[in-house]
Amino acid sequence: MKRQTKTYFRTFYISWIVIMCLVFGWLGIAAAYENTVQVAFGEYKSAIEISNEKIRILDFVISKSN
């Protein structure tokens, strides 16, 4: 029983670290994108925009079909 618990927690911690690396990596990419657009073009553009017509993530646009 103790070995199973130890394996479970070790797996949990490794998974938690991987997930946190991905989350903080994405947050870093989003912050860098917003700052780059502001410096290069002089306008504020959010990294993620969700509206009724489209979804924009960075510069990739997914439009709603009519």
N, C-alpha and C. Protein backbone atom coordinates (compact mmCIF):
# COMPACT_ATOMS: atom_id res chain seq x y z
N MET A 1 0.82 -1.19 0.00
CA MET A 1 0.00 0.00 0.00
C MET A 1 0.87 1.26 0.00
N LYS A 2 1.93 1.29 0.78
CA LYS A 2 2.79 2.46 0.86
C LYS A 2 3.49 2.72 -0.47
N ARG A 3 3.87 1.66 -1.17
CA ARG A 3 4.54 1.81 -2.46
C ARG A 3 3.60 2.41 -3.50
N GLN A 4 2.33 2.01 -3.47
CA GLN A 4 1.35 2.56 -4.40
C GLN A 4 1.12 4.05 -4.14
N THR A 5 1.06 4.42 -2.88
CA THR A 5 0.88 5.83 -2.53
C THR A 5 2.07 6.66 -2.98
N LYS A 6 3.26 6.14 -2.76
CA LYS A 6 4.47 6.85 -3.17
C LYS A 6 4.51 7.02 -4.69
N THR A 7 4.15 5.99 -5.42
CA THR A 7 4.11 6.06 -6.88
C THR A 7 3.06 7.06 -7.35
N TYR A 8 1.90 7.06 -6.69
CA TYR A 8 0.84 7.99 -7.04
C TYR A 8 1.30 9.44 -6.87
N PHE A 9 1.88 9.76 -5.72
CA PHE A 9 2.32 11.14 -5.48
C PHE A 9 3.46 11.54 -6.42
N ARG A 10 4.35 10.65 -6.71
CA ARG A 10 5.44 10.96 -7.64
C ARG A 10 4.87 11.25 -9.03
N THR A 11 3.93 10.44 -9.47
CA THR A 11 3.28 10.67 -10.76
C THR A 11 2.51 11.98 -10.76
N PHE A 12 1.81 12.26 -9.66
CA PHE A 12 1.06 13.50 -9.53
C PHE A 12 1.99 14.71 -9.63
N TYR A 13 3.10 14.70 -8.93
CA TYR A 13 4.03 15.83 -8.94
C TYR A 13 4.64 16.04 -10.32
N ILE A 14 5.01 14.96 -10.99
CA ILE A 14 5.58 15.09 -12.33
C ILE A 14 4.54 15.66 -13.30
N SER A 15 3.31 15.18 -13.22
CA SER A 15 2.24 15.69 -14.07
C SER A 15 1.97 17.16 -13.77
N TRP A 16 1.97 17.52 -12.49
CA TRP A 16 1.73 18.91 -12.08
C TRP A 16 2.80 19.82 -12.64
N ILE A 17 4.05 19.40 -12.60
CA ILE A 17 5.15 20.21 -13.11
C ILE A 17 5.02 20.40 -14.62
N VAL A 18 4.69 19.36 -15.34
CA VAL A 18 4.53 19.46 -16.79
C VAL A 18 3.38 20.41 -17.13
N ILE A 19 2.25 20.29 -16.45
CA ILE A 19 1.11 21.16 -16.70
C ILE A 19 1.46 22.61 -16.39
N MET A 20 2.13 22.85 -15.27
CA MET A 20 2.51 24.22 -14.92
C MET A 20 3.49 24.81 -15.93
N CYS A 21 4.41 24.02 -16.43
CA CYS A 21 5.34 24.50 -17.47
C CYS A 21 4.57 24.92 -18.72
N LEU A 22 3.59 24.13 -19.12
CA LEU A 22 2.79 24.48 -20.29
C LEU A 22 1.97 25.74 -20.05
N VAL A 23 1.35 25.86 -18.87
CA VAL A 23 0.53 27.03 -18.56
C VAL A 23 1.38 28.29 -18.52
N PHE A 24 2.48 28.27 -17.78
CA PHE A 24 3.32 29.45 -17.68
C PHE A 24 4.01 29.76 -19.00
N GLY A 25 4.31 28.74 -19.79
CA GLY A 25 4.85 28.97 -21.13
C GLY A 25 3.86 29.71 -22.00
N TRP A 26 2.58 29.29 -21.97
CA TRP A 26 1.55 29.97 -22.74
C TRP A 26 1.36 31.41 -22.26
N LEU A 27 1.36 31.62 -20.95
CA LEU A 27 1.23 32.98 -20.43
C LEU A 27 2.39 33.87 -20.87
N GLY A 28 3.57 33.32 -20.92
CA GLY A 28 4.74 34.06 -21.39
C GLY A 28 4.62 34.41 -22.87
N ILE A 29 4.14 33.48 -23.67
CA ILE A 29 3.94 33.74 -25.09
C ILE A 29 2.91 34.84 -25.29
N ALA A 30 1.81 34.78 -24.54
CA ALA A 30 0.76 35.79 -24.65
C ALA A 30 1.27 37.17 -24.25
N ALA A 31 2.02 37.25 -23.18
CA ALA A 31 2.57 38.54 -22.74
C ALA A 31 3.56 39.09 -23.76
N ALA A 32 4.40 38.23 -24.30
CA ALA A 32 5.37 38.68 -25.31
C ALA A 32 4.66 39.15 -26.57
N TYR A 33 3.60 38.47 -26.98
CA TYR A 33 2.84 38.88 -28.15
C TYR A 33 2.22 40.26 -27.95
N GLU A 34 1.56 40.46 -26.81
CA GLU A 34 0.92 41.75 -26.54
C GLU A 34 1.94 42.89 -26.53
N ASN A 35 3.08 42.66 -25.90
CA ASN A 35 4.11 43.70 -25.84
C ASN A 35 4.73 43.97 -27.21
N THR A 36 4.92 42.93 -28.01
CA THR A 36 5.50 43.10 -29.34
C THR A 36 4.56 43.90 -30.23
N VAL A 37 3.27 43.60 -30.20
CA VAL A 37 2.31 44.34 -31.01
C VAL A 37 2.24 45.79 -30.55
N GLN A 38 2.31 46.01 -29.26
CA GLN A 38 2.24 47.39 -28.75
C GLN A 38 3.47 48.20 -29.16
N VAL A 39 4.63 47.60 -29.12
CA VAL A 39 5.86 48.32 -29.49
C VAL A 39 5.94 48.49 -31.01
N ALA A 40 5.61 47.46 -31.77
CA ALA A 40 5.78 47.51 -33.22
C ALA A 40 4.71 48.36 -33.90
N PHE A 41 3.46 48.27 -33.47
CA PHE A 41 2.37 48.94 -34.16
C PHE A 41 1.72 50.05 -33.35
N GLY A 42 2.09 50.21 -32.09
CA GLY A 42 1.55 51.27 -31.27
C GLY A 42 0.11 51.09 -30.86
N GLU A 43 -0.38 49.88 -30.89
CA GLU A 43 -1.77 49.61 -30.49
C GLU A 43 -1.79 48.42 -29.54
N TYR A 44 -2.79 48.41 -28.67
CA TYR A 44 -2.94 47.27 -27.76
C TYR A 44 -3.85 46.25 -28.41
N LYS A 45 -3.37 45.03 -28.50
CA LYS A 45 -4.16 43.92 -29.04
C LYS A 45 -3.99 42.75 -28.10
N SER A 46 -5.11 42.26 -27.58
CA SER A 46 -5.08 41.14 -26.67
C SER A 46 -4.63 39.87 -27.40
N ALA A 47 -4.00 38.97 -26.68
CA ALA A 47 -3.54 37.73 -27.29
C ALA A 47 -4.71 36.82 -27.66
N ILE A 48 -5.80 36.89 -26.89
CA ILE A 48 -6.98 36.06 -27.16
C ILE A 48 -8.19 36.98 -27.24
N GLU A 49 -8.93 36.87 -28.34
CA GLU A 49 -10.15 37.65 -28.52
C GLU A 49 -11.27 36.70 -28.91
N ILE A 50 -12.34 36.73 -28.15
CA ILE A 50 -13.50 35.89 -28.45
C ILE A 50 -14.71 36.81 -28.60
N SER A 51 -15.33 36.77 -29.78
CA SER A 51 -16.53 37.57 -30.03
C SER A 51 -17.55 36.68 -30.73
N ASN A 52 -18.70 37.27 -31.07
CA ASN A 52 -19.74 36.49 -31.74
C ASN A 52 -19.34 36.10 -33.16
N GLU A 53 -18.52 36.89 -33.81
CA GLU A 53 -18.15 36.63 -35.20
C GLU A 53 -16.90 35.77 -35.36
N LYS A 54 -15.98 35.87 -34.40
CA LYS A 54 -14.70 35.18 -34.59
C LYS A 54 -14.03 34.88 -33.26
N ILE A 55 -13.06 33.99 -33.35
CA ILE A 55 -12.16 33.69 -32.24
C ILE A 55 -10.75 33.93 -32.78
N ARG A 56 -9.99 34.78 -32.10
CA ARG A 56 -8.63 35.08 -32.53
C ARG A 56 -7.68 34.72 -31.41
N ILE A 57 -6.72 33.85 -31.71
CA ILE A 57 -5.67 33.47 -30.78
C ILE A 57 -4.36 33.86 -31.44
N LEU A 58 -3.66 34.82 -30.81
CA LEU A 58 -2.49 35.48 -31.39
C LEU A 58 -2.93 36.09 -32.72
N ASP A 59 -2.41 35.66 -33.86
CA ASP A 59 -2.86 36.20 -35.14
C ASP A 59 -3.64 35.17 -35.95
N PHE A 60 -4.01 34.08 -35.36
CA PHE A 60 -4.80 33.06 -36.04
C PHE A 60 -6.28 33.31 -35.78
N VAL A 61 -7.05 33.40 -36.86
CA VAL A 61 -8.47 33.76 -36.75
C VAL A 61 -9.32 32.56 -37.17
N ILE A 62 -10.31 32.26 -36.36
CA ILE A 62 -11.31 31.25 -36.67
C ILE A 62 -12.64 31.99 -36.80
N SER A 63 -13.17 32.06 -38.03
CA SER A 63 -14.39 32.81 -38.28
C SER A 63 -15.60 31.89 -38.23
N LYS A 64 -16.71 32.46 -37.86
CA LYS A 64 -17.97 31.73 -37.85
C LYS A 64 -18.51 31.70 -39.27
N SER A 65 -18.87 30.51 -39.74
CA SER A 65 -19.43 30.38 -41.09
C SER A 65 -20.89 30.77 -41.10
N ASN A 66 -21.31 31.43 -42.16
CA ASN A 66 -22.72 31.81 -42.30
C ASN A 66 -23.46 30.80 -43.11
